[in-house]
Amino acid sequence: MDQCSILLADDDEMIVDVLQHQLEREGFQVIATGNGAEALAIARTRQPDLVLLDVMMPGMQGWEVCRTLRSESDVPILMLTARGEELDRVLGLELGADDYIVKPFSFRELLARIRANLRRVVLTARSAAASDDEKPEQLGALAIDRRRHQITRQGDIVSLTQREYALLLVKLLDADGAVVRRGDLLDQVWGEEWVGDPRTVDVHMRWLREKLEEEPGAPQLLLTVRGVGYRLVSANELR
């Protein structure tokens, strides 16, 4: 793999100096800024492989940068926050962050999470590529064309992120109606060494329901099996 680039956005110059030095020593290319609006502009133009994003920054807060960037890109986003409250952690996941780490943190932990998220991107891309030669499939109102990496619902194209695509098709659809355990989804889509918040699976499932279900609050396709995981109904069940 080519040298990975990391966008580091934090207004604490001391933290930036230390992290930039340590990350560059590990072989990463680091682009640093202390301004939220500038971070968003850099992400759009330089397209880094991963973003480390502080919450409180001038110009634009990290939450807003995260939400905007996620609407435009699948780039892994890891939030750096001094807040440890559950509400803040959940908010980050809701806005599209892949992971978060609470200050103060050890560099070893941060490095492990960075590498886990970068590995997950590679695994997701491989899983999607492996399905390129499959024929289109029908699941109720959904038409699934793996060759084009495209899903339509009643004729309209459904916009899915790369991870949503892998989660839905490679893991749930191929289970043919069987339950897939939550932990297995994490291992297979995010990677076995991923160390973030497992609730990210629930967040992604809700996003999928909003895109695929006629009534997301009363899902008919993507079902929760309490205490176990999730399952996607099979084509046979809809006939």
C-alpha atoms as a PDB file:
ATOM      1  CA  MET A   1       0.000   0.000   0.000  1.00  0.00           C
ATOM      2  CA  ASP A   2       1.205   3.540  -0.787  1.00  0.00           C
ATOM      3  CA  GLN A   3       1.956   5.924   2.054  1.00  0.00           C
ATOM      4  CA  CYS A   4      -1.327   6.763   3.773  1.00  0.00           C
ATOM      5  CA  SER A   5      -2.240  10.381   4.367  1.00  0.00           C
ATOM      6  CA  ILE A   6      -3.923  11.608   7.544  1.00  0.00           C
ATOM      7  CA  LEU A   7      -5.690  14.919   8.046  1.00  0.00           C
ATOM      8  CA  LEU A   8      -5.113  16.017  11.643  1.00  0.00           C
ATOM      9  CA  ALA A   9      -7.485  18.793  12.738  1.00  0.00           C
ATOM     10  CA  ASP A  10      -7.021  20.124  16.280  1.00  0.00           C
ATOM     11  CA  ASP A  11      -6.573  23.664  17.575  1.00  0.00           C
ATOM     12  CA  ASP A  12      -4.195  22.579  20.343  1.00  0.00           C
ATOM     13  CA  GLU A  13      -0.794  23.254  18.791  1.00  0.00           C
ATOM     14  CA  MET A  14       1.030  21.115  21.333  1.00  0.00           C
ATOM     15  CA  ILE A  15      -1.120  18.071  20.550  1.00  0.00           C
ATOM     16  CA  VAL A  16      -0.737  18.658  16.818  1.00  0.00           C
ATOM     17  CA  ASP A  17       3.050  18.965  17.018  1.00  0.00           C
ATOM     18  CA  VAL A  18       3.398  15.783  19.060  1.00  0.00           C
ATOM     19  CA  LEU A  19       0.947  13.698  17.022  1.00  0.00           C
ATOM     20  CA  GLN A  20       2.288  14.892  13.691  1.00  0.00           C
ATOM     21  CA  HIS A  21       5.827  13.935  14.694  1.00  0.00           C
ATOM     22  CA  GLN A  22       4.760  10.511  16.002  1.00  0.00           C
ATOM     23  CA  LEU A  23       2.551   9.706  13.017  1.00  0.00           C
ATOM     24  CA  GLU A  24       5.197  10.743  10.509  1.00  0.00           C
ATOM     25  CA  ARG A  25       7.674   8.548  12.371  1.00  0.00           C
ATOM     26  CA  GLU A  26       5.228   5.649  11.770  1.00  0.00           C
ATOM     27  CA  GLY A  27       5.292   6.349   8.038  1.00  0.00           C
ATOM     28  CA  PHE A  28       2.145   8.425   7.582  1.00  0.00           C
ATOM     29  CA  GLN A  29       1.894  11.660   5.632  1.00  0.00           C
ATOM     30  CA  VAL A  30       0.219  14.203   7.927  1.00  0.00           C
ATOM     31  CA  ILE A  31      -1.688  17.325   6.898  1.00  0.00           C
ATOM     32  CA  ALA A  32      -2.384  19.464   9.970  1.00  0.00           C
ATOM     33  CA  THR A  33      -4.726  22.348  10.675  1.00  0.00           C
ATOM     34  CA  GLY A  34      -6.310  23.991  13.704  1.00  0.00           C
ATOM     35  CA  ASN A  35      -9.398  25.355  11.963  1.00  0.00           C
ATOM     36  CA  GLY A  36     -12.578  23.389  11.271  1.00  0.00           C
ATOM     37  CA  ALA A  37     -13.526  25.155   8.054  1.00  0.00           C
ATOM     38  CA  GLU A  38     -10.001  24.733   6.745  1.00  0.00           C
ATOM     39  CA  ALA A  39     -10.092  21.046   7.684  1.00  0.00           C
ATOM     40  CA  LEU A  40     -13.205  20.553   5.562  1.00  0.00           C
ATOM     41  CA  ALA A  41     -11.610  22.369   2.625  1.00  0.00           C
ATOM     42  CA  ILE A  42      -8.435  20.271   2.915  1.00  0.00           C
ATOM     43  CA  ALA A  43     -10.439  17.052   3.093  1.00  0.00           C
ATOM     44  CA  ARG A  44     -12.270  17.994  -0.087  1.00  0.00           C
ATOM     45  CA  THR A  45      -9.159  18.918  -2.062  1.00  0.00           C
ATOM     46  CA  ARG A  46      -6.501  16.550  -0.696  1.00  0.00           C
ATOM     47  CA  GLN A  47      -8.780  13.545  -0.047  1.00  0.00           C
ATOM     48  CA  PRO A  48      -6.824  12.018   2.863  1.00  0.00           C
ATOM     49  CA  ASP A  49      -7.052   8.327   3.721  1.00  0.00           C
ATOM     50  CA  LEU A  50      -8.211   9.083   7.273  1.00  0.00           C
ATOM     51  CA  VAL A  51      -9.298  12.127   9.305  1.00  0.00           C
ATOM     52  CA  LEU A  52      -8.466  12.803  12.970  1.00  0.00           C
ATOM     53  CA  LEU A  53     -10.948  15.437  14.020  1.00  0.00           C
ATOM     54  CA  ASP A  54     -11.116  17.435  17.254  1.00  0.00           C
ATOM     55  CA  VAL A  55     -14.561  18.477  18.475  1.00  0.00           C
ATOM     56  CA  MET A  56     -13.954  22.073  19.562  1.00  0.00           C
ATOM     57  CA  MET A  57     -12.291  24.182  16.849  1.00  0.00           C
ATOM     58  CA  PRO A  58     -12.598  27.718  15.483  1.00  0.00           C
ATOM     59  CA  GLY A  59     -14.155  28.258  12.083  1.00  0.00           C
ATOM     60  CA  MET A  60     -16.402  25.208  12.305  1.00  0.00           C
ATOM     61  CA  GLN A  61     -16.873  22.701  15.108  1.00  0.00           C
ATOM     62  CA  GLY A  62     -15.775  19.147  14.586  1.00  0.00           C
ATOM     63  CA  TRP A  63     -19.326  17.778  14.770  1.00  0.00           C
ATOM     64  CA  GLU A  64     -20.339  19.919  11.771  1.00  0.00           C
ATOM     65  CA  VAL A  65     -17.187  19.034   9.838  1.00  0.00           C
ATOM     66  CA  CYS A  66     -17.904  15.355  10.486  1.00  0.00           C
ATOM     67  CA  ARG A  67     -21.513  15.568   9.359  1.00  0.00           C
ATOM     68  CA  THR A  68     -20.668  17.506   6.201  1.00  0.00           C
ATOM     69  CA  LEU A  69     -17.720  15.335   5.282  1.00  0.00           C
ATOM     70  CA  ARG A  70     -19.664  12.125   5.829  1.00  0.00           C
ATOM     71  CA  SER A  71     -22.364  13.302   3.425  1.00  0.00           C
ATOM     72  CA  GLU A  72     -19.684  13.644   0.757  1.00  0.00           C
ATOM     73  CA  SER A  73     -17.165  10.901   1.452  1.00  0.00           C
ATOM     74  CA  ASP A  74     -16.561   7.442   2.952  1.00  0.00           C
ATOM     75  CA  VAL A  75     -13.223   8.502   4.439  1.00  0.00           C
ATOM     76  CA  PRO A  76     -12.704   7.066   7.965  1.00  0.00           C
ATOM     77  CA  ILE A  77     -13.287   9.761  10.602  1.00  0.00           C
ATOM     78  CA  LEU A  78     -11.911   9.387  14.109  1.00  0.00           C
ATOM     79  CA  MET A  79     -13.098  12.020  16.594  1.00  0.00           C
ATOM     80  CA  LEU A  80     -10.673  13.364  19.201  1.00  0.00           C
ATOM     81  CA  THR A  81     -12.634  14.633  22.172  1.00  0.00           C
ATOM     82  CA  ALA A  82     -12.005  15.709  25.729  1.00  0.00           C
ATOM     83  CA  ARG A  83     -15.556  14.753  26.585  1.00  0.00           C
ATOM     84  CA  GLY A  84     -16.228  11.280  27.897  1.00  0.00           C
ATOM     85  CA  GLU A  85     -19.991  11.434  28.280  1.00  0.00           C
ATOM     86  CA  GLU A  86     -22.013   8.760  26.487  1.00  0.00           C
ATOM     87  CA  LEU A  87     -24.197  11.390  24.791  1.00  0.00           C
ATOM     88  CA  ASP A  88     -21.181  12.914  23.050  1.00  0.00           C
ATOM     89  CA  ARG A  89     -19.894   9.519  21.950  1.00  0.00           C
ATOM     90  CA  VAL A  90     -23.259   8.559  20.496  1.00  0.00           C
ATOM     91  CA  LEU A  91     -23.566  11.951  18.777  1.00  0.00           C
ATOM     92  CA  GLY A  92     -20.290  11.347  16.987  1.00  0.00           C
ATOM     93  CA  LEU A  93     -21.517   7.998  15.685  1.00  0.00           C
ATOM     94  CA  GLU A  94     -24.865   9.496  14.683  1.00  0.00           C
ATOM     95  CA  LEU A  95     -23.103  12.159  12.620  1.00  0.00           C
ATOM     96  CA  GLY A  96     -21.041   9.563  10.781  1.00  0.00           C
ATOM     97  CA  ALA A  97     -17.820   9.197  12.768  1.00  0.00           C
ATOM     98  CA  ASP A  98     -16.271   5.753  12.509  1.00  0.00           C
ATOM     99  CA  ASP A  99     -14.628   5.898  15.898  1.00  0.00           C
ATOM    100  CA  TYR A 100     -13.750   8.236  18.752  1.00  0.00           C
ATOM    101  CA  ILE A 101     -11.014   8.452  21.323  1.00  0.00           C
ATOM    102  CA  VAL A 102     -11.228  10.447  24.539  1.00  0.00           C
ATOM    103  CA  LYS A 103      -8.389  12.743  25.605  1.00  0.00           C
ATOM    104  CA  PRO A 104      -6.004  12.093  27.189  1.00  0.00           C
ATOM    105  CA  PHE A 105      -5.132   8.957  25.218  1.00  0.00           C
ATOM    106  CA  SER A 106      -1.985   6.941  24.590  1.00  0.00           C
ATOM    107  CA  PHE A 107      -0.401   7.116  21.170  1.00  0.00           C
ATOM    108  CA  ARG A 108      -0.338   3.318  21.042  1.00  0.00           C
ATOM    109  CA  GLU A 109      -4.151   3.222  21.353  1.00  0.00           C
ATOM    110  CA  LEU A 110      -4.587   5.934  18.756  1.00  0.00           C
ATOM    111  CA  LEU A 111      -2.253   4.148  16.344  1.00  0.00           C
ATOM    112  CA  ALA A 112      -4.139   0.875  16.797  1.00  0.00           C
ATOM    113  CA  ARG A 113      -7.425   2.552  15.948  1.00  0.00           C
ATOM    114  CA  ILE A 114      -5.969   4.320  12.936  1.00  0.00           C
ATOM    115  CA  ARG A 115      -4.567   1.094  11.524  1.00  0.00           C
ATOM    116  CA  ALA A 116      -7.781  -0.827  12.245  1.00  0.00           C
ATOM    117  CA  ASN A 117      -9.866   1.728  10.347  1.00  0.00           C
ATOM    118  CA  LEU A 118      -7.465   1.764   7.408  1.00  0.00           C
ATOM    119  CA  ARG A 119      -7.528  -2.063   7.245  1.00  0.00           C
ATOM    120  CA  ARG A 120     -11.306  -1.972   7.287  1.00  0.00           C
ATOM    121  CA  VAL A 121     -11.334   0.249   4.199  1.00  0.00           C
ATOM    122  CA  VAL A 122      -9.175  -2.259   2.325  1.00  0.00           C
ATOM    123  CA  LEU A 123     -11.317  -5.224   3.403  1.00  0.00           C
ATOM    124  CA  THR A 124     -14.530  -3.456   2.422  1.00  0.00           C
ATOM    125  CA  ALA A 125     -13.165  -2.634  -1.019  1.00  0.00           C
ATOM    126  CA  ARG A 126     -12.071  -6.250  -1.543  1.00  0.00           C
ATOM    127  CA  SER A 127     -15.468  -7.578  -0.501  1.00  0.00           C
ATOM    128  CA  ALA A 128     -17.240  -5.253  -2.892  1.00  0.00           C
ATOM    129  CA  ALA A 129     -14.880  -6.101  -5.749  1.00  0.00           C
ATOM    130  CA  ALA A 130     -15.420  -9.824  -5.221  1.00  0.00           C
ATOM    131  CA  SER A 131     -19.076  -9.418  -6.180  1.00  0.00           C
ATOM    132  CA  ASP A 132     -18.449  -7.685  -9.508  1.00  0.00           C
ATOM    133  CA  ASP A 133     -19.366 -10.693 -11.667  1.00  0.00           C
ATOM    134  CA  GLU A 134     -22.714 -11.457 -10.000  1.00  0.00           C
ATOM    135  CA  LYS A 135     -26.033 -11.099 -11.828  1.00  0.00           C
ATOM    136  CA  PRO A 136     -28.669  -8.594 -10.621  1.00  0.00           C
ATOM    137  CA  GLU A 137     -30.930  -9.838  -7.834  1.00  0.00           C
ATOM    138  CA  GLN A 138     -34.435  -8.868  -6.786  1.00  0.00           C
ATOM    139  CA  LEU A 139     -35.523  -8.395  -3.165  1.00  0.00           C
ATOM    140  CA  GLY A 140     -39.042  -7.068  -3.052  1.00  0.00           C
ATOM    141  CA  ALA A 141     -38.949  -3.507  -4.394  1.00  0.00           C
ATOM    142  CA  LEU A 142     -35.157  -3.552  -4.387  1.00  0.00           C
ATOM    143  CA  ALA A 143     -33.137  -4.396  -7.492  1.00  0.00           C
ATOM    144  CA  ILE A 144     -29.533  -5.240  -6.615  1.00  0.00           C
ATOM    145  CA  ASP A 145     -26.860  -5.067  -9.303  1.00  0.00           C
ATOM    146  CA  ARG A 146     -23.584  -6.189  -7.765  1.00  0.00           C
ATOM    147  CA  ARG A 147     -21.710  -5.742 -11.022  1.00  0.00           C
ATOM    148  CA  ARG A 148     -22.471  -2.014 -10.983  1.00  0.00           C
ATOM    149  CA  HIS A 149     -22.470  -1.725  -7.190  1.00  0.00           C
ATOM    150  CA  GLN A 150     -25.936  -0.258  -7.561  1.00  0.00           C
ATOM    151  CA  ILE A 151     -29.261  -0.664  -5.774  1.00  0.00           C
ATOM    152  CA  THR A 152     -32.549   0.725  -7.003  1.00  0.00           C
ATOM    153  CA  ARG A 153     -35.804   0.949  -5.082  1.00  0.00           C
ATOM    154  CA  GLN A 154     -38.909   1.108  -7.243  1.00  0.00           C
ATOM    155  CA  GLY A 155     -36.710   2.320 -10.068  1.00  0.00           C
ATOM    156  CA  ASP A 156     -34.883   5.019  -8.103  1.00  0.00           C
ATOM    157  CA  ILE A 157     -31.180   4.647  -7.354  1.00  0.00           C
ATOM    158  CA  VAL A 158     -30.421   4.263  -3.635  1.00  0.00           C
ATOM    159  CA  SER A 159     -27.253   6.050  -2.605  1.00  0.00           C
ATOM    160  CA  LEU A 160     -25.213   3.827  -0.288  1.00  0.00           C
ATOM    161  CA  THR A 161     -21.779   4.388   1.160  1.00  0.00           C
ATOM    162  CA  GLN A 162     -19.164   1.722   0.498  1.00  0.00           C
ATOM    163  CA  ARG A 163     -19.567   0.367   4.027  1.00  0.00           C
ATOM    164  CA  GLU A 164     -23.362   0.302   3.840  1.00  0.00           C
ATOM    165  CA  TYR A 165     -23.056  -1.607   0.581  1.00  0.00           C
ATOM    166  CA  ALA A 166     -20.718  -4.194   2.112  1.00  0.00           C
ATOM    167  CA  LEU A 167     -22.808  -4.484   5.251  1.00  0.00           C
ATOM    168  CA  LEU A 168     -26.061  -5.024   3.387  1.00  0.00           C
ATOM    169  CA  LEU A 169     -24.985  -7.113   0.435  1.00  0.00           C
ATOM    170  CA  VAL A 170     -21.860  -9.018   1.285  1.00  0.00           C
ATOM    171  CA  LYS A 171     -22.882  -9.911   4.828  1.00  0.00           C
ATOM    172  CA  LEU A 172     -26.676  -9.744   5.211  1.00  0.00           C
ATOM    173  CA  LEU A 173     -27.954 -10.582   1.739  1.00  0.00           C
ATOM    174  CA  ASP A 174     -25.589 -13.515   1.374  1.00  0.00           C
ATOM    175  CA  ALA A 175     -26.840 -14.942   4.674  1.00  0.00           C
ATOM    176  CA  ASP A 176     -30.083 -15.769   2.777  1.00  0.00           C
ATOM    177  CA  GLY A 177     -32.457 -14.795   5.576  1.00  0.00           C
ATOM    178  CA  ALA A 178     -30.371 -16.146   8.458  1.00  0.00           C
ATOM    179  CA  VAL A 179     -29.503 -14.056  11.485  1.00  0.00           C
ATOM    180  CA  VAL A 180     -26.047 -12.481  11.450  1.00  0.00           C
ATOM    181  CA  ARG A 181     -24.677 -11.785  14.887  1.00  0.00           C
ATOM    182  CA  ARG A 182     -23.801  -8.225  15.719  1.00  0.00           C
ATOM    183  CA  GLY A 183     -20.240  -9.199  16.604  1.00  0.00           C
ATOM    184  CA  ASP A 184     -19.829 -11.026  13.295  1.00  0.00           C
ATOM    185  CA  LEU A 185     -20.938  -7.923  11.407  1.00  0.00           C
ATOM    186  CA  LEU A 186     -18.323  -5.897  13.246  1.00  0.00           C
ATOM    187  CA  ASP A 187     -15.604  -8.473  12.561  1.00  0.00           C
ATOM    188  CA  GLN A 188     -16.459  -8.916   8.898  1.00  0.00           C
ATOM    189  CA  VAL A 189     -17.177  -5.318   7.883  1.00  0.00           C
ATOM    190  CA  TRP A 190     -15.052  -3.275  10.302  1.00  0.00           C
ATOM    191  CA  GLY A 191     -12.323  -5.888  10.843  1.00  0.00           C
ATOM    192  CA  GLU A 192     -11.542  -8.278  13.688  1.00  0.00           C
ATOM    193  CA  GLU A 193      -9.041  -5.870  15.221  1.00  0.00           C
ATOM    194  CA  TRP A 194     -11.408  -2.894  15.175  1.00  0.00           C
ATOM    195  CA  VAL A 195     -11.614  -1.357  18.639  1.00  0.00           C
ATOM    196  CA  GLY A 196     -14.326   1.293  18.330  1.00  0.00           C
ATOM    197  CA  ASP A 197     -17.848   1.495  19.717  1.00  0.00           C
ATOM    198  CA  PRO A 198     -19.972  -1.549  18.695  1.00  0.00           C
ATOM    199  CA  ARG A 199     -23.047   0.683  18.574  1.00  0.00           C
ATOM    200  CA  THR A 200     -21.828   1.882  15.201  1.00  0.00           C
ATOM    201  CA  VAL A 201     -23.540  -1.241  13.781  1.00  0.00           C
ATOM    202  CA  ASP A 202     -26.907  -0.056  15.117  1.00  0.00           C
ATOM    203  CA  VAL A 203     -26.375   3.410  13.662  1.00  0.00           C
ATOM    204  CA  HIS A 204     -25.592   1.993  10.225  1.00  0.00           C
ATOM    205  CA  MET A 205     -28.614  -0.297  10.385  1.00  0.00           C
ATOM    206  CA  ARG A 206     -30.870   2.661  11.063  1.00  0.00           C
ATOM    207  CA  TRP A 207     -29.354   4.533   8.127  1.00  0.00           C
ATOM    208  CA  LEU A 208     -29.953   1.524   5.880  1.00  0.00           C
ATOM    209  CA  ARG A 209     -33.576   1.306   6.981  1.00  0.00           C
ATOM    210  CA  GLU A 210     -34.106   4.973   6.207  1.00  0.00           C
ATOM    211  CA  LYS A 211     -32.834   4.365   2.699  1.00  0.00           C
ATOM    212  CA  LEU A 212     -34.447   0.997   1.966  1.00  0.00           C
ATOM    213  CA  GLU A 213     -37.665   0.678   3.941  1.00  0.00           C
ATOM    214  CA  GLU A 214     -41.023   2.250   3.120  1.00  0.00           C
ATOM    215  CA  GLU A 215     -41.557   2.782   6.858  1.00  0.00           C
ATOM    216  CA  PRO A 216     -38.160   2.782   8.634  1.00  0.00           C
ATOM    217  CA  GLY A 217     -39.869   2.696  12.032  1.00  0.00           C
ATOM    218  CA  ALA A 218     -41.646  -0.537  11.093  1.00  0.00           C
ATOM    219  CA  PRO A 219     -39.070  -2.371   8.974  1.00  0.00           C
ATOM    220  CA  GLN A 220     -40.125  -5.237   6.743  1.00  0.00           C
ATOM    221  CA  LEU A 221     -36.759  -6.066   5.154  1.00  0.00           C
ATOM    222  CA  LEU A 222     -33.992  -5.414   7.658  1.00  0.00           C
ATOM    223  CA  LEU A 223     -35.055  -6.968  10.934  1.00  0.00           C
ATOM    224  CA  THR A 224     -33.616  -6.889  14.441  1.00  0.00           C
ATOM    225  CA  VAL A 225     -33.352 -10.172  16.319  1.00  0.00           C
ATOM    226  CA  ARG A 226     -33.124  -8.987  19.909  1.00  0.00           C
ATOM    227  CA  GLY A 227     -30.098 -10.159  21.813  1.00  0.00           C
ATOM    228  CA  VAL A 228     -28.562 -11.715  18.712  1.00  0.00           C
ATOM    229  CA  GLY A 229     -28.153  -9.440  15.712  1.00  0.00           C
ATOM    230  CA  TYR A 230     -29.826  -8.616  12.416  1.00  0.00           C
ATOM    231  CA  ARG A 231     -31.215 -10.400   9.416  1.00  0.00           C
ATOM    232  CA  LEU A 232     -32.305  -9.391   5.943  1.00  0.00           C
ATOM    233  CA  VAL A 233     -35.385 -11.244   4.754  1.00  0.00           C
ATOM    234  CA  SER A 234     -34.744 -13.604   1.854  1.00  0.00           C
ATOM    235  CA  ALA A 235     -36.302 -13.309  -1.585  1.00  0.00           C
ATOM    236  CA  ASN A 236     -38.302 -16.495  -0.898  1.00  0.00           C
ATOM    237  CA  GLU A 237     -39.994 -14.882   2.138  1.00  0.00           C
ATOM    238  CA  LEU A 238     -41.262 -12.030  -0.035  1.00  0.00           C
ATOM    239  CA  ARG A 239     -42.862 -14.252  -2.669  1.00  0.00           C
END
